[in-house]
């Protein structure tokens, strides 16, 4: 089984490094970020299982960043020195899965991380569809967030790549504009935003036999993209 990948978003270097050491010592893979921009960069390039997100960050605070994440994204535990009921309510309203007040006991934090991961993996919800889709022998598992080739080889996808591909397999043979794909990622569409183009280029390199002549994700000039293969619900 692959290591659990935790993204720590914390601008305090001592706290961030302490958390990274604690998680690494407990057999977890760790990535670090100090603000929202770095957080998004990690999510765009790697699959993340859980985010530890500080509330008081430079730029967008933790509440704003939590609210900006797509519904099917990784679960979030907010970390903050604020312990008022109103602050906790704001955190849960923003979509956090748990709320931990600093200073915290390391053993308690580990227990909370494991509990959140258990819930996220075991319970299908509106945010985590249980369907498994198939297309031309490929298997796309929305619940486990896994993609398998016809030869039963697992393809590693970043969080962002998975989110985009999920929109395609759920809307096959339909032209999708960039704005639609950006909204599916929980982001506000901006004129001439090319972030989606970069993600699709990465996905093509992973699923197409010839990324320069794609069979699955077709470019529809002037309109967006289309997933050309028919898909079926397997489960």
C-alpha atoms as a PDB file:
ATOM      1  CA  UNK A   1       0.000   0.000   0.000  1.00  0.00           C
ATOM      2  CA  UNK A   2       1.276   3.482  -0.895  1.00  0.00           C
ATOM      3  CA  UNK A   3       2.320   5.811   1.909  1.00  0.00           C
ATOM      4  CA  UNK A   4      -0.253   8.310   3.107  1.00  0.00           C
ATOM      5  CA  UNK A   5       0.688  11.683   1.615  1.00  0.00           C
ATOM      6  CA  UNK A   6       0.037  14.659   3.899  1.00  0.00           C
ATOM      7  CA  UNK A   7       0.430  18.262   2.777  1.00  0.00           C
ATOM      8  CA  UNK A   8       1.355  20.670   5.596  1.00  0.00           C
ATOM      9  CA  UNK A   9       0.404  24.294   4.892  1.00  0.00           C
ATOM     10  CA  UNK A  10       2.006  26.328   7.679  1.00  0.00           C
ATOM     11  CA  UNK A  11       4.063  29.531   7.494  1.00  0.00           C
ATOM     12  CA  UNK A  12       5.785  29.042  10.869  1.00  0.00           C
ATOM     13  CA  UNK A  13       8.976  27.161   9.994  1.00  0.00           C
ATOM     14  CA  UNK A  14       9.470  25.581  13.433  1.00  0.00           C
ATOM     15  CA  UNK A  15       5.906  24.271  13.597  1.00  0.00           C
ATOM     16  CA  UNK A  16       6.007  23.092   9.977  1.00  0.00           C
ATOM     17  CA  UNK A  17       9.270  21.204  10.406  1.00  0.00           C
ATOM     18  CA  UNK A  18       8.087  19.702  13.691  1.00  0.00           C
ATOM     19  CA  UNK A  19       4.918  18.430  12.041  1.00  0.00           C
ATOM     20  CA  UNK A  20       6.893  17.064   9.102  1.00  0.00           C
ATOM     21  CA  UNK A  21       9.206  15.171  11.441  1.00  0.00           C
ATOM     22  CA  UNK A  22       6.276  13.762  13.442  1.00  0.00           C
ATOM     23  CA  UNK A  23       4.489  12.492  10.339  1.00  0.00           C
ATOM     24  CA  UNK A  24       7.639  11.128   8.703  1.00  0.00           C
ATOM     25  CA  UNK A  25       8.452   9.180  11.860  1.00  0.00           C
ATOM     26  CA  UNK A  26       4.990   7.631  11.565  1.00  0.00           C
ATOM     27  CA  UNK A  27       5.568   6.392   8.010  1.00  0.00           C
ATOM     28  CA  UNK A  28       3.775   9.198   6.182  1.00  0.00           C
ATOM     29  CA  UNK A  29       4.998  11.016   3.112  1.00  0.00           C
ATOM     30  CA  UNK A  30       5.095  14.784   3.662  1.00  0.00           C
ATOM     31  CA  UNK A  31       4.987  17.849   1.427  1.00  0.00           C
ATOM     32  CA  UNK A  32       5.273  21.388   2.777  1.00  0.00           C
ATOM     33  CA  UNK A  33       3.819  24.755   1.758  1.00  0.00           C
ATOM     34  CA  UNK A  34       3.867  28.180   3.396  1.00  0.00           C
ATOM     35  CA  UNK A  35       0.891  29.788   1.622  1.00  0.00           C
ATOM     36  CA  UNK A  36      -2.003  29.166  -0.743  1.00  0.00           C
ATOM     37  CA  UNK A  37       0.060  29.452  -3.913  1.00  0.00           C
ATOM     38  CA  UNK A  38       2.475  26.757  -2.783  1.00  0.00           C
ATOM     39  CA  UNK A  39      -0.436  24.601  -1.605  1.00  0.00           C
ATOM     40  CA  UNK A  40      -2.043  24.716  -5.054  1.00  0.00           C
ATOM     41  CA  UNK A  41       1.285  23.956  -6.713  1.00  0.00           C
ATOM     42  CA  UNK A  42       1.607  20.738  -4.703  1.00  0.00           C
ATOM     43  CA  UNK A  43      -2.010  19.748  -5.396  1.00  0.00           C
ATOM     44  CA  UNK A  44      -1.437  20.308  -9.113  1.00  0.00           C
ATOM     45  CA  UNK A  45       1.587  18.011  -9.237  1.00  0.00           C
ATOM     46  CA  UNK A  46       0.983  15.239  -6.686  1.00  0.00           C
ATOM     47  CA  UNK A  47      -1.776  13.147  -5.198  1.00  0.00           C
ATOM     48  CA  UNK A  48      -2.481  14.271  -1.622  1.00  0.00           C
ATOM     49  CA  UNK A  49      -4.454  12.227   0.922  1.00  0.00           C
ATOM     50  CA  UNK A  50      -4.888  14.885   3.620  1.00  0.00           C
ATOM     51  CA  UNK A  51      -4.097  18.567   4.207  1.00  0.00           C
ATOM     52  CA  UNK A  52      -3.007  20.052   7.544  1.00  0.00           C
ATOM     53  CA  UNK A  53      -3.932  23.690   7.018  1.00  0.00           C
ATOM     54  CA  UNK A  54      -2.979  26.582   9.290  1.00  0.00           C
ATOM     55  CA  UNK A  55      -5.645  29.272   9.604  1.00  0.00           C
ATOM     56  CA  UNK A  56      -3.420  32.351   9.957  1.00  0.00           C
ATOM     57  CA  UNK A  57      -1.453  32.408   6.706  1.00  0.00           C
ATOM     58  CA  UNK A  58      -0.036  35.234   4.585  1.00  0.00           C
ATOM     59  CA  UNK A  59      -2.411  36.083   1.751  1.00  0.00           C
ATOM     60  CA  UNK A  60      -5.550  33.940   1.746  1.00  0.00           C
ATOM     61  CA  UNK A  61      -6.205  32.525   5.205  1.00  0.00           C
ATOM     62  CA  UNK A  62      -6.959  28.884   5.949  1.00  0.00           C
ATOM     63  CA  UNK A  63     -10.728  29.373   5.863  1.00  0.00           C
ATOM     64  CA  UNK A  64     -10.572  30.859   2.363  1.00  0.00           C
ATOM     65  CA  UNK A  65      -8.207  28.162   1.093  1.00  0.00           C
ATOM     66  CA  UNK A  66     -10.320  25.381   2.576  1.00  0.00           C
ATOM     67  CA  UNK A  67     -13.443  26.778   0.940  1.00  0.00           C
ATOM     68  CA  UNK A  68     -11.653  27.010  -2.424  1.00  0.00           C
ATOM     69  CA  UNK A  69     -10.871  23.285  -2.567  1.00  0.00           C
ATOM     70  CA  UNK A  70     -13.043  21.034  -4.757  1.00  0.00           C
ATOM     71  CA  UNK A  71     -15.594  18.908  -2.915  1.00  0.00           C
ATOM     72  CA  UNK A  72     -13.908  15.687  -3.996  1.00  0.00           C
ATOM     73  CA  UNK A  73     -10.487  16.916  -2.891  1.00  0.00           C
ATOM     74  CA  UNK A  74      -8.483  15.611   0.077  1.00  0.00           C
ATOM     75  CA  UNK A  75      -9.865  16.026   3.608  1.00  0.00           C
ATOM     76  CA  UNK A  76      -8.653  19.020   5.618  1.00  0.00           C
ATOM     77  CA  UNK A  77      -7.684  19.439   9.269  1.00  0.00           C
ATOM     78  CA  UNK A  78      -7.403  23.086  10.298  1.00  0.00           C
ATOM     79  CA  UNK A  79      -4.659  24.076  12.751  1.00  0.00           C
ATOM     80  CA  UNK A  80      -5.054  27.283  14.750  1.00  0.00           C
ATOM     81  CA  UNK A  81      -4.443  28.985  18.079  1.00  0.00           C
ATOM     82  CA  UNK A  82      -8.034  30.227  18.047  1.00  0.00           C
ATOM     83  CA  UNK A  83     -10.315  28.123  20.217  1.00  0.00           C
ATOM     84  CA  UNK A  84     -13.514  30.186  20.304  1.00  0.00           C
ATOM     85  CA  UNK A  85     -16.702  28.414  19.269  1.00  0.00           C
ATOM     86  CA  UNK A  86     -17.238  30.965  16.483  1.00  0.00           C
ATOM     87  CA  UNK A  87     -13.809  30.170  15.011  1.00  0.00           C
ATOM     88  CA  UNK A  88     -14.496  26.439  15.025  1.00  0.00           C
ATOM     89  CA  UNK A  89     -17.872  27.026  13.403  1.00  0.00           C
ATOM     90  CA  UNK A  90     -16.187  29.117  10.699  1.00  0.00           C
ATOM     91  CA  UNK A  91     -13.744  26.284  10.050  1.00  0.00           C
ATOM     92  CA  UNK A  92     -16.385  23.602   9.690  1.00  0.00           C
ATOM     93  CA  UNK A  93     -18.530  25.940   7.591  1.00  0.00           C
ATOM     94  CA  UNK A  94     -15.557  26.355   5.237  1.00  0.00           C
ATOM     95  CA  UNK A  95     -15.516  22.586   4.721  1.00  0.00           C
ATOM     96  CA  UNK A  96     -12.885  21.396   7.210  1.00  0.00           C
ATOM     97  CA  UNK A  97     -13.108  17.788   8.383  1.00  0.00           C
ATOM     98  CA  UNK A  98     -11.559  18.528  11.781  1.00  0.00           C
ATOM     99  CA  UNK A  99     -10.239  21.466  13.812  1.00  0.00           C
ATOM    100  CA  UNK A 100      -7.185  21.192  16.081  1.00  0.00           C
ATOM    101  CA  UNK A 101      -6.166  23.957  18.485  1.00  0.00           C
ATOM    102  CA  UNK A 102      -2.491  24.823  19.050  1.00  0.00           C
ATOM    103  CA  UNK A 103      -0.587  23.815  21.069  1.00  0.00           C
ATOM    104  CA  UNK A 104      -1.668  20.232  20.488  1.00  0.00           C
ATOM    105  CA  UNK A 105      -0.537  16.872  21.785  1.00  0.00           C
ATOM    106  CA  UNK A 106       1.305  14.970  19.002  1.00  0.00           C
ATOM    107  CA  UNK A 107      -0.424  11.697  19.882  1.00  0.00           C
ATOM    108  CA  UNK A 108      -3.841  13.354  19.690  1.00  0.00           C
ATOM    109  CA  UNK A 109      -3.042  14.938  16.328  1.00  0.00           C
ATOM    110  CA  UNK A 110      -1.947  11.571  14.926  1.00  0.00           C
ATOM    111  CA  UNK A 111      -5.149   9.987  16.207  1.00  0.00           C
ATOM    112  CA  UNK A 112      -7.238  12.719  14.568  1.00  0.00           C
ATOM    113  CA  UNK A 113      -5.368  12.319  11.268  1.00  0.00           C
ATOM    114  CA  UNK A 114      -5.998   8.569  11.267  1.00  0.00           C
ATOM    115  CA  UNK A 115      -9.670   9.062  12.148  1.00  0.00           C
ATOM    116  CA  UNK A 116     -10.215  11.572   9.332  1.00  0.00           C
ATOM    117  CA  UNK A 117      -8.451   9.287   6.843  1.00  0.00           C
ATOM    118  CA  UNK A 118     -10.578   6.316   7.939  1.00  0.00           C
ATOM    119  CA  UNK A 119     -13.776   8.288   7.407  1.00  0.00           C
ATOM    120  CA  UNK A 120     -12.615   9.614   4.045  1.00  0.00           C
ATOM    121  CA  UNK A 121     -11.666   6.164   2.753  1.00  0.00           C
ATOM    122  CA  UNK A 122     -14.521   4.147   4.199  1.00  0.00           C
ATOM    123  CA  UNK A 123     -17.594   6.294   3.675  1.00  0.00           C
ATOM    124  CA  UNK A 124     -18.763   7.220   0.193  1.00  0.00           C
ATOM    125  CA  UNK A 125     -20.565  10.548   0.217  1.00  0.00           C
ATOM    126  CA  UNK A 126     -21.892  13.166  -2.149  1.00  0.00           C
ATOM    127  CA  UNK A 127     -18.361  14.538  -2.342  1.00  0.00           C
ATOM    128  CA  UNK A 128     -16.872  11.112  -3.055  1.00  0.00           C
ATOM    129  CA  UNK A 129     -18.937   9.230  -5.631  1.00  0.00           C
ATOM    130  CA  UNK A 130     -18.880   5.461  -5.290  1.00  0.00           C
ATOM    131  CA  UNK A 131     -19.105   4.747  -9.024  1.00  0.00           C
ATOM    132  CA  UNK A 132     -16.354   2.992 -10.934  1.00  0.00           C
ATOM    133  CA  UNK A 133     -16.201   3.949 -14.608  1.00  0.00           C
ATOM    134  CA  UNK A 134     -14.724   1.992 -17.475  1.00  0.00           C
ATOM    135  CA  UNK A 135     -13.541   3.122 -20.896  1.00  0.00           C
ATOM    136  CA  UNK A 136     -11.810   0.918 -23.476  1.00  0.00           C
ATOM    137  CA  UNK A 137     -10.521  -1.432 -20.792  1.00  0.00           C
ATOM    138  CA  UNK A 138      -9.415   1.333 -18.416  1.00  0.00           C
ATOM    139  CA  UNK A 139     -10.846   1.442 -14.886  1.00  0.00           C
ATOM    140  CA  UNK A 140     -11.469   4.788 -13.151  1.00  0.00           C
ATOM    141  CA  UNK A 141     -12.328   4.398  -9.454  1.00  0.00           C
ATOM    142  CA  UNK A 142     -13.914   7.562  -8.030  1.00  0.00           C
ATOM    143  CA  UNK A 143     -14.092   6.242  -4.472  1.00  0.00           C
ATOM    144  CA  UNK A 144     -10.468   5.120  -4.188  1.00  0.00           C
ATOM    145  CA  UNK A 145      -9.348   7.878  -6.572  1.00  0.00           C
ATOM    146  CA  UNK A 146      -7.391   5.425  -8.710  1.00  0.00           C
ATOM    147  CA  UNK A 147      -6.869   4.910 -12.442  1.00  0.00           C
ATOM    148  CA  UNK A 148      -5.896   1.487 -13.842  1.00  0.00           C
ATOM    149  CA  UNK A 149      -4.773   0.624 -17.369  1.00  0.00           C
ATOM    150  CA  UNK A 150      -6.284  -2.289 -19.329  1.00  0.00           C
ATOM    151  CA  UNK A 151      -3.189  -4.267 -18.249  1.00  0.00           C
ATOM    152  CA  UNK A 152      -4.019  -3.618 -14.559  1.00  0.00           C
ATOM    153  CA  UNK A 153      -1.208  -1.131 -14.005  1.00  0.00           C
ATOM    154  CA  UNK A 154      -2.072   1.743 -11.704  1.00  0.00           C
ATOM    155  CA  UNK A 155      -1.455   5.216 -13.131  1.00  0.00           C
ATOM    156  CA  UNK A 156      -0.320   7.814 -10.603  1.00  0.00           C
ATOM    157  CA  UNK A 157      -2.366  11.008 -10.902  1.00  0.00           C
ATOM    158  CA  UNK A 158      -2.030  14.245  -8.984  1.00  0.00           C
ATOM    159  CA  UNK A 159      -5.089  15.567  -7.156  1.00  0.00           C
ATOM    160  CA  UNK A 160      -5.667  18.141  -9.894  1.00  0.00           C
ATOM    161  CA  UNK A 161      -5.235  15.610 -12.710  1.00  0.00           C
ATOM    162  CA  UNK A 162      -7.707  13.229 -11.087  1.00  0.00           C
ATOM    163  CA  UNK A 163     -10.300  15.992 -10.620  1.00  0.00           C
ATOM    164  CA  UNK A 164     -10.101  17.015 -14.273  1.00  0.00           C
ATOM    165  CA  UNK A 165     -10.200  13.446 -15.589  1.00  0.00           C
ATOM    166  CA  UNK A 166     -13.208  12.692 -13.389  1.00  0.00           C
ATOM    167  CA  UNK A 167     -15.160  15.501 -15.045  1.00  0.00           C
ATOM    168  CA  UNK A 168     -14.321  14.011 -18.438  1.00  0.00           C
ATOM    169  CA  UNK A 169     -15.342  10.429 -17.630  1.00  0.00           C
ATOM    170  CA  UNK A 170     -18.584  11.666 -16.055  1.00  0.00           C
ATOM    171  CA  UNK A 171     -19.376  13.726 -19.186  1.00  0.00           C
ATOM    172  CA  UNK A 172     -18.119  11.621 -22.119  1.00  0.00           C
ATOM    173  CA  UNK A 173     -18.481  12.765 -25.715  1.00  0.00           C
ATOM    174  CA  UNK A 174     -19.497  16.225 -24.501  1.00  0.00           C
ATOM    175  CA  UNK A 175     -17.639  19.440 -25.275  1.00  0.00           C
ATOM    176  CA  UNK A 176     -16.458  20.999 -22.004  1.00  0.00           C
ATOM    177  CA  UNK A 177     -15.221  24.562 -21.829  1.00  0.00           C
ATOM    178  CA  UNK A 178     -12.214  25.533 -19.734  1.00  0.00           C
ATOM    179  CA  UNK A 179     -14.506  27.454 -17.371  1.00  0.00           C
ATOM    180  CA  UNK A 180     -16.428  24.245 -16.598  1.00  0.00           C
ATOM    181  CA  UNK A 181     -13.217  22.383 -15.829  1.00  0.00           C
ATOM    182  CA  UNK A 182     -11.901  25.205 -13.633  1.00  0.00           C
ATOM    183  CA  UNK A 183     -15.140  25.301 -11.656  1.00  0.00           C
ATOM    184  CA  UNK A 184     -14.893  21.548 -11.114  1.00  0.00           C
ATOM    185  CA  UNK A 185     -11.514  22.212  -9.487  1.00  0.00           C
ATOM    186  CA  UNK A 186     -13.089  24.769  -7.143  1.00  0.00           C
ATOM    187  CA  UNK A 187     -11.407  27.723  -8.838  1.00  0.00           C
ATOM    188  CA  UNK A 188     -12.770  30.923 -10.274  1.00  0.00           C
ATOM    189  CA  UNK A 189     -12.472  31.002 -14.038  1.00  0.00           C
ATOM    190  CA  UNK A 190     -10.215  33.737 -15.383  1.00  0.00           C
ATOM    191  CA  UNK A 191      -9.971  34.967 -18.980  1.00  0.00           C
ATOM    192  CA  UNK A 192      -7.348  33.046 -20.980  1.00  0.00           C
ATOM    193  CA  UNK A 193      -6.538  30.789 -18.012  1.00  0.00           C
ATOM    194  CA  UNK A 194      -4.169  28.115 -19.340  1.00  0.00           C
ATOM    195  CA  UNK A 195      -3.798  26.090 -16.154  1.00  0.00           C
ATOM    196  CA  UNK A 196      -6.303  23.558 -17.490  1.00  0.00           C
ATOM    197  CA  UNK A 197      -4.304  23.210 -20.716  1.00  0.00           C
ATOM    198  CA  UNK A 198      -1.197  22.292 -18.722  1.00  0.00           C
ATOM    199  CA  UNK A 199      -3.106  19.705 -16.677  1.00  0.00           C
ATOM    200  CA  UNK A 200      -4.639  18.145 -19.774  1.00  0.00           C
ATOM    201  CA  UNK A 201      -1.215  17.936 -21.381  1.00  0.00           C
ATOM    202  CA  UNK A 202       0.015  16.006 -18.326  1.00  0.00           C
ATOM    203  CA  UNK A 203      -2.997  13.681 -18.376  1.00  0.00           C
ATOM    204  CA  UNK A 204      -2.485  12.956 -22.068  1.00  0.00           C
ATOM    205  CA  UNK A 205       1.103  11.917 -21.410  1.00  0.00           C
ATOM    206  CA  UNK A 206      -0.207   9.373 -18.910  1.00  0.00           C
ATOM    207  CA  UNK A 207      -3.179   7.875 -20.775  1.00  0.00           C
ATOM    208  CA  UNK A 208      -2.559   8.415 -24.489  1.00  0.00           C
ATOM    209  CA  UNK A 209      -0.368   6.119 -26.580  1.00  0.00           C
ATOM    210  CA  UNK A 210       0.494   9.223 -28.628  1.00  0.00           C
ATOM    211  CA  UNK A 211      -0.097  12.464 -26.680  1.00  0.00           C
ATOM    212  CA  UNK A 212       0.344  14.499 -29.875  1.00  0.00           C
ATOM    213  CA  UNK A 213      -2.506  12.599 -31.553  1.00  0.00           C
ATOM    214  CA  UNK A 214      -4.837  11.895 -28.616  1.00  0.00           C
ATOM    215  CA  UNK A 215      -7.666   9.370 -28.872  1.00  0.00           C
ATOM    216  CA  UNK A 216      -9.316  10.133 -25.542  1.00  0.00           C
ATOM    217  CA  UNK A 217      -9.087  13.863 -24.763  1.00  0.00           C
ATOM    218  CA  UNK A 218      -9.719  15.786 -27.966  1.00  0.00           C
ATOM    219  CA  UNK A 219      -9.209  19.519 -28.393  1.00  0.00           C
ATOM    220  CA  UNK A 220     -12.272  21.261 -29.814  1.00  0.00           C
ATOM    221  CA  UNK A 221     -10.846  24.408 -31.328  1.00  0.00           C
ATOM    222  CA  UNK A 222     -12.462  27.538 -29.940  1.00  0.00           C
ATOM    223  CA  UNK A 223     -14.701  25.605 -27.549  1.00  0.00           C
ATOM    224  CA  UNK A 224     -12.623  23.503 -25.156  1.00  0.00           C
ATOM    225  CA  UNK A 225     -12.123  19.760 -24.844  1.00  0.00           C
ATOM    226  CA  UNK A 226     -14.069  16.532 -25.268  1.00  0.00           C
ATOM    227  CA  UNK A 227     -13.532  13.036 -23.878  1.00  0.00           C
ATOM    228  CA  UNK A 228     -14.091  11.073 -27.077  1.00  0.00           C
ATOM    229  CA  UNK A 229     -14.407   7.547 -25.683  1.00  0.00           C
ATOM    230  CA  UNK A 230     -17.756   6.299 -24.375  1.00  0.00           C
ATOM    231  CA  UNK A 231     -17.705   5.414 -20.681  1.00  0.00           C
ATOM    232  CA  UNK A 232     -19.747   2.951 -18.660  1.00  0.00           C
ATOM    233  CA  UNK A 233     -20.550   2.643 -14.972  1.00  0.00           C
ATOM    234  CA  UNK A 234     -19.034  -0.620 -13.743  1.00  0.00           C
ATOM    235  CA  UNK A 235     -20.194  -0.348 -10.124  1.00  0.00           C
END
